[in-house]
């Protein structure tokens, strides 16, 4: 099955070519990557809206964010189970391990916050 055709006004038929030096290109690509965008999509948003904010996230912050997200998903699942009245066996040990992980993450975040430690 073929992809549906776009409306004539939705098609992107025109190109805008800009020239950048190597440093500028690297900066644009890094900022776009930190936003989860390709360089062309970031450029389009920046030109048309002008509202894209520059936020560069270090790799450790991204890794910590993903780990916190996983922990949050697990906590949400455990909370649903607890609210339904069905507590699994071994929950206390799991919560103690989770508390230890939380302390480790807090230490990493506090250490990473100080620029002189980088």
N, C-alpha and C. Protein backbone atom coordinates (compact mmCIF):
# COMPACT_ATOMS: atom_id res chain seq x y z
N UNK A 1 0.85 -1.17 0.00
CA UNK A 1 0.00 0.00 0.00
C UNK A 1 0.89 1.23 0.00
N UNK A 2 0.63 2.12 -0.89
CA UNK A 2 1.44 3.33 -1.04
C UNK A 2 1.09 4.34 0.04
N UNK A 3 2.06 5.19 0.31
CA UNK A 3 1.85 6.25 1.29
C UNK A 3 0.91 7.30 0.70
N UNK A 4 -0.02 7.85 1.51
CA UNK A 4 -0.95 8.86 0.98
C UNK A 4 -0.21 10.11 0.53
N UNK A 5 -0.70 10.74 -0.51
CA UNK A 5 -0.08 11.95 -1.03
C UNK A 5 -0.36 13.12 -0.10
N UNK A 6 0.64 14.01 0.00
CA UNK A 6 0.47 15.23 0.80
C UNK A 6 -0.30 16.26 0.01
N UNK A 7 -0.97 17.13 0.72
CA UNK A 7 -1.66 18.24 0.07
C UNK A 7 -0.60 19.15 -0.56
N UNK A 8 -0.97 19.85 -1.59
CA UNK A 8 -0.02 20.69 -2.33
C UNK A 8 0.63 21.73 -1.42
N UNK A 9 -0.12 22.29 -0.49
CA UNK A 9 0.45 23.31 0.39
C UNK A 9 1.30 22.71 1.51
N UNK A 10 1.24 21.40 1.72
CA UNK A 10 2.04 20.74 2.76
C UNK A 10 3.38 20.24 2.23
N UNK A 11 3.54 20.19 0.92
CA UNK A 11 4.79 19.70 0.33
C UNK A 11 5.91 20.71 0.56
N UNK A 12 7.09 20.18 0.77
CA UNK A 12 8.28 21.03 0.95
C UNK A 12 9.08 20.97 -0.34
N UNK A 13 8.82 21.93 -1.21
CA UNK A 13 9.44 21.95 -2.54
C UNK A 13 10.66 22.85 -2.64
N UNK A 14 10.88 23.70 -1.66
CA UNK A 14 11.92 24.71 -1.79
C UNK A 14 13.05 24.43 -0.82
N UNK A 15 14.26 24.79 -1.23
CA UNK A 15 15.45 24.59 -0.41
C UNK A 15 16.04 25.95 -0.07
N UNK A 16 16.55 26.04 1.12
CA UNK A 16 17.30 27.21 1.55
C UNK A 16 18.68 26.70 1.94
N UNK A 17 19.67 27.14 1.23
CA UNK A 17 21.03 26.65 1.46
C UNK A 17 21.80 27.72 2.22
N UNK A 18 22.40 27.32 3.32
CA UNK A 18 23.25 28.23 4.09
C UNK A 18 24.65 27.64 4.15
N UNK A 19 25.60 28.49 4.32
CA UNK A 19 26.99 28.03 4.41
C UNK A 19 27.48 28.23 5.84
N UNK A 20 28.14 27.20 6.36
CA UNK A 20 28.68 27.22 7.72
C UNK A 20 30.13 26.78 7.67
N UNK A 21 30.91 27.26 8.62
CA UNK A 21 32.25 26.71 8.73
C UNK A 21 32.16 25.44 9.59
N UNK A 22 33.25 24.74 9.75
CA UNK A 22 33.24 23.45 10.45
C UNK A 22 32.77 23.59 11.89
N UNK A 23 33.20 24.65 12.56
CA UNK A 23 32.82 24.85 13.96
C UNK A 23 31.33 25.14 14.09
N UNK A 24 30.80 25.97 13.20
CA UNK A 24 29.37 26.29 13.23
C UNK A 24 28.52 25.04 12.95
N UNK A 25 28.95 24.24 11.97
CA UNK A 25 28.21 23.02 11.65
C UNK A 25 28.20 22.07 12.84
N UNK A 26 29.35 21.93 13.48
CA UNK A 26 29.44 21.04 14.64
C UNK A 26 28.51 21.53 15.75
N UNK A 27 28.49 22.83 15.99
CA UNK A 27 27.61 23.40 17.01
C UNK A 27 26.15 23.13 16.70
N UNK A 28 25.75 23.36 15.45
CA UNK A 28 24.36 23.13 15.05
C UNK A 28 24.00 21.65 15.23
N UNK A 29 24.87 20.75 14.83
CA UNK A 29 24.59 19.32 14.95
C UNK A 29 24.51 18.89 16.41
N UNK A 30 25.38 19.43 17.28
CA UNK A 30 25.35 19.08 18.70
C UNK A 30 24.07 19.58 19.36
N UNK A 31 23.69 20.80 19.06
CA UNK A 31 22.47 21.36 19.66
C UNK A 31 21.25 20.58 19.17
N UNK A 32 21.23 20.27 17.88
CA UNK A 32 20.11 19.50 17.32
C UNK A 32 20.03 18.13 17.98
N UNK A 33 21.19 17.50 18.18
CA UNK A 33 21.21 16.18 18.81
C UNK A 33 20.70 16.25 20.24
N UNK A 34 21.06 17.31 20.97
CA UNK A 34 20.60 17.45 22.35
C UNK A 34 19.09 17.65 22.42
N UNK A 35 18.50 18.14 21.32
CA UNK A 35 17.06 18.33 21.25
C UNK A 35 16.35 17.10 20.68
N UNK A 36 17.14 16.11 20.24
CA UNK A 36 16.55 14.92 19.64
C UNK A 36 16.10 15.16 18.21
N UNK A 37 16.73 16.10 17.53
CA UNK A 37 16.36 16.46 16.16
C UNK A 37 17.54 16.26 15.22
N UNK A 38 17.24 16.15 13.95
CA UNK A 38 18.27 16.20 12.92
C UNK A 38 18.61 17.68 12.71
N UNK A 39 19.78 17.95 12.15
CA UNK A 39 20.23 19.33 11.97
C UNK A 39 19.26 20.14 11.11
N UNK A 40 18.73 19.53 10.04
CA UNK A 40 17.82 20.27 9.17
C UNK A 40 16.51 20.61 9.88
N UNK A 41 16.01 19.69 10.72
CA UNK A 41 14.76 19.95 11.44
C UNK A 41 14.96 21.05 12.49
N UNK A 42 16.11 20.99 13.16
CA UNK A 42 16.43 22.04 14.13
C UNK A 42 16.53 23.40 13.43
N UNK A 43 17.22 23.43 12.29
CA UNK A 43 17.36 24.69 11.54
C UNK A 43 16.01 25.24 11.11
N UNK A 44 15.13 24.36 10.63
CA UNK A 44 13.80 24.80 10.20
C UNK A 44 13.03 25.40 11.38
N UNK A 45 13.06 24.72 12.53
CA UNK A 45 12.36 25.25 13.70
C UNK A 45 12.94 26.59 14.15
N UNK A 46 14.24 26.67 14.14
CA UNK A 46 14.90 27.89 14.59
C UNK A 46 14.58 29.07 13.66
N UNK A 47 14.59 28.81 12.38
CA UNK A 47 14.30 29.87 11.41
C UNK A 47 12.84 30.30 11.49
N UNK A 48 11.93 29.32 11.50
CA UNK A 48 10.51 29.64 11.43
C UNK A 48 9.93 30.12 12.75
N UNK A 49 10.31 29.48 13.85
CA UNK A 49 9.74 29.84 15.14
C UNK A 49 10.67 30.70 15.98
N UNK A 50 11.95 30.42 15.89
CA UNK A 50 12.92 31.15 16.71
C UNK A 50 12.81 30.81 18.18
N UNK A 51 12.07 29.73 18.51
CA UNK A 51 11.81 29.42 19.92
C UNK A 51 12.58 28.22 20.44
N UNK A 52 13.41 27.62 19.65
CA UNK A 52 14.16 26.46 20.10
C UNK A 52 15.25 26.93 21.05
N UNK A 53 15.22 26.42 22.28
CA UNK A 53 16.20 26.85 23.27
C UNK A 53 17.38 25.89 23.26
N UNK A 54 18.55 26.45 23.45
CA UNK A 54 19.77 25.65 23.44
C UNK A 54 19.98 25.02 24.81
N UNK A 55 19.91 23.70 24.87
CA UNK A 55 20.18 22.97 26.10
C UNK A 55 21.08 21.80 25.75
N UNK A 56 22.28 21.85 26.22
CA UNK A 56 23.21 20.76 25.97
C UNK A 56 23.25 19.89 27.22
N UNK A 57 22.96 18.62 27.03
CA UNK A 57 22.90 17.68 28.13
C UNK A 57 24.13 16.79 28.04
N UNK A 58 24.86 16.68 29.12
CA UNK A 58 26.02 15.81 29.10
C UNK A 58 25.57 14.36 29.05
N UNK A 59 26.46 13.47 28.62
CA UNK A 59 26.12 12.07 28.50
C UNK A 59 25.72 11.47 29.85
N UNK A 60 26.38 11.88 30.92
CA UNK A 60 26.04 11.34 32.25
C UNK A 60 24.63 11.76 32.62
N UNK A 61 24.25 12.99 32.31
CA UNK A 61 22.90 13.44 32.62
C UNK A 61 21.88 12.64 31.83
N UNK A 62 22.17 12.35 30.56
CA UNK A 62 21.25 11.58 29.74
C UNK A 62 21.11 10.16 30.29
N UNK A 63 22.22 9.56 30.67
CA UNK A 63 22.18 8.20 31.23
C UNK A 63 21.42 8.18 32.54
N UNK A 64 21.64 9.17 33.37
CA UNK A 64 20.93 9.25 34.65
C UNK A 64 19.45 9.47 34.41
N UNK A 65 19.13 10.32 33.44
CA UNK A 65 17.72 10.55 33.11
C UNK A 65 17.04 9.25 32.69
N UNK A 66 17.69 8.47 31.83
CA UNK A 66 17.09 7.21 31.39
C UNK A 66 16.91 6.25 32.55
N UNK A 67 17.90 6.20 33.44
CA UNK A 67 17.78 5.31 34.61
C UNK A 67 16.66 5.77 35.52
N UNK A 68 16.54 7.07 35.75
CA UNK A 68 15.44 7.59 36.57
C UNK A 68 14.09 7.29 35.93
N UNK A 69 14.03 7.36 34.62
CA UNK A 69 12.78 7.06 33.92
C UNK A 69 12.40 5.60 34.14
N UNK A 70 13.38 4.70 34.04
CA UNK A 70 13.11 3.27 34.28
C UNK A 70 12.63 3.04 35.71
N UNK A 71 13.29 3.70 36.66
CA UNK A 71 12.89 3.56 38.06
C UNK A 71 11.46 4.08 38.24
N UNK A 72 11.15 5.20 37.60
CA UNK A 72 9.80 5.76 37.70
C UNK A 72 8.75 4.80 37.15
N UNK A 73 9.06 4.15 36.04
CA UNK A 73 8.12 3.18 35.48
C UNK A 73 7.91 2.03 36.47
N UNK A 74 9.00 1.55 37.05
CA UNK A 74 8.88 0.46 38.03
C UNK A 74 8.07 0.90 39.25
N UNK A 75 8.33 2.11 39.73
CA UNK A 75 7.57 2.60 40.88
C UNK A 75 6.08 2.72 40.56
N UNK A 76 5.79 3.17 39.35
CA UNK A 76 4.39 3.29 38.94
C UNK A 76 3.70 1.93 38.94
N UNK A 77 4.40 0.93 38.42
CA UNK A 77 3.84 -0.42 38.41
C UNK A 77 3.63 -0.94 39.83
N UNK A 78 4.61 -0.72 40.70
CA UNK A 78 4.48 -1.16 42.09
C UNK A 78 3.35 -0.42 42.81
N UNK A 79 3.20 0.86 42.53
CA UNK A 79 2.14 1.64 43.16
C UNK A 79 0.77 1.12 42.74
N UNK A 80 0.63 0.80 41.45
CA UNK A 80 -0.65 0.24 40.99
C UNK A 80 -0.97 -1.06 41.71
N UNK A 81 0.03 -1.91 41.84
CA UNK A 81 -0.17 -3.20 42.52
C UNK A 81 -0.52 -2.96 43.98
N UNK A 82 0.20 -2.05 44.64
CA UNK A 82 -0.05 -1.77 46.06
C UNK A 82 -1.45 -1.21 46.26
N UNK A 83 -1.89 -0.33 45.36
CA UNK A 83 -3.22 0.26 45.48
C UNK A 83 -4.34 -0.74 45.19
N UNK A 84 -4.01 -1.80 44.47
CA UNK A 84 -5.01 -2.83 44.20
C UNK A 84 -5.10 -3.83 45.34
N UNK A 85 -4.19 -3.72 46.32
CA UNK A 85 -4.22 -4.61 47.48
C UNK A 85 -3.42 -5.88 47.30
N UNK A 86 -2.70 -6.02 46.20
CA UNK A 86 -1.91 -7.23 45.95
C UNK A 86 -0.43 -6.90 46.03
N UNK A 87 0.16 -6.99 47.20
CA UNK A 87 1.59 -6.72 47.36
C UNK A 87 2.38 -7.99 47.08
N UNK A 88 3.36 -7.92 46.20
CA UNK A 88 4.16 -9.12 45.91
C UNK A 88 5.11 -9.43 47.06
N UNK A 89 5.51 -10.69 47.12
CA UNK A 89 6.48 -11.08 48.14
C UNK A 89 7.82 -10.49 47.78
N UNK A 90 8.62 -10.14 48.77
CA UNK A 90 9.95 -9.59 48.54
C UNK A 90 9.96 -8.11 48.22
N UNK A 91 8.85 -7.44 48.43
CA UNK A 91 8.77 -6.02 48.10
C UNK A 91 9.69 -5.18 48.99
N UNK A 92 9.84 -5.59 50.25
CA UNK A 92 10.68 -4.82 51.17
C UNK A 92 12.13 -4.82 50.70
N UNK A 93 12.64 -5.97 50.29
CA UNK A 93 14.02 -6.06 49.81
C UNK A 93 14.21 -5.22 48.54
N UNK A 94 13.22 -5.27 47.68
CA UNK A 94 13.29 -4.49 46.44
C UNK A 94 13.32 -2.99 46.75
N UNK A 95 12.51 -2.55 47.69
CA UNK A 95 12.48 -1.14 48.05
C UNK A 95 13.80 -0.70 48.68
N UNK A 96 14.43 -1.56 49.45
CA UNK A 96 15.73 -1.23 50.04
C UNK A 96 16.80 -1.09 48.94
N UNK A 97 16.77 -1.98 47.96
CA UNK A 97 17.70 -1.86 46.83
C UNK A 97 17.45 -0.58 46.06
N UNK A 98 16.19 -0.24 45.89
CA UNK A 98 15.82 0.97 45.18
C UNK A 98 16.31 2.21 45.93
N UNK A 99 16.21 2.20 47.24
CA UNK A 99 16.70 3.31 48.06
C UNK A 99 18.22 3.46 47.91
N UNK A 100 18.92 2.35 47.85
CA UNK A 100 20.38 2.39 47.65
C UNK A 100 20.72 2.99 46.28
N UNK A 101 19.99 2.58 45.24
CA UNK A 101 20.19 3.13 43.91
C UNK A 101 19.91 4.63 43.90
N UNK A 102 18.88 5.03 44.60
CA UNK A 102 18.52 6.45 44.66
C UNK A 102 19.66 7.26 45.29
N UNK A 103 20.24 6.75 46.35
CA UNK A 103 21.35 7.45 47.00
C UNK A 103 22.56 7.55 46.06
N UNK A 104 22.83 6.50 45.32
CA UNK A 104 23.93 6.50 44.36
C UNK A 104 23.70 7.55 43.27
N UNK A 105 22.49 7.62 42.75
CA UNK A 105 22.16 8.59 41.71
C UNK A 105 22.30 10.01 42.25
N UNK A 106 21.84 10.24 43.46
CA UNK A 106 21.96 11.57 44.06
C UNK A 106 23.43 11.97 44.19
N UNK A 107 24.28 11.05 44.62
CA UNK A 107 25.71 11.34 44.72
C UNK A 107 26.30 11.69 43.37
N UNK A 108 25.93 10.93 42.33
CA UNK A 108 26.45 11.19 40.98
C UNK A 108 26.00 12.56 40.51
N UNK A 109 24.73 12.88 40.71
CA UNK A 109 24.21 14.18 40.27
C UNK A 109 24.88 15.33 41.02
N UNK A 110 25.10 15.17 42.30
CA UNK A 110 25.75 16.23 43.07
C UNK A 110 27.19 16.42 42.65
N UNK A 111 27.89 15.31 42.36
CA UNK A 111 29.27 15.40 41.91
C UNK A 111 29.34 16.03 40.52
N UNK A 112 28.42 15.65 39.63
CA UNK A 112 28.41 16.15 38.26
C UNK A 112 28.01 17.63 38.21
N UNK A 113 27.35 18.11 39.24
CA UNK A 113 26.90 19.50 39.28
C UNK A 113 28.07 20.47 39.43
N UNK A 114 29.15 20.03 40.06
CA UNK A 114 30.30 20.90 40.29
C UNK A 114 31.19 20.94 39.05
N UNK A 115 31.32 22.12 38.39
CA UNK A 115 32.12 22.17 37.16
C UNK A 115 33.60 21.89 37.36
N UNK A 116 34.13 22.13 38.55
CA UNK A 116 35.56 21.88 38.75
C UNK A 116 35.88 20.39 38.82
N UNK A 117 34.85 19.54 38.98
CA UNK A 117 35.07 18.09 39.03
C UNK A 117 35.09 17.47 37.63
N UNK A 118 34.74 18.23 36.61
CA UNK A 118 34.64 17.66 35.26
C UNK A 118 35.98 17.62 34.58
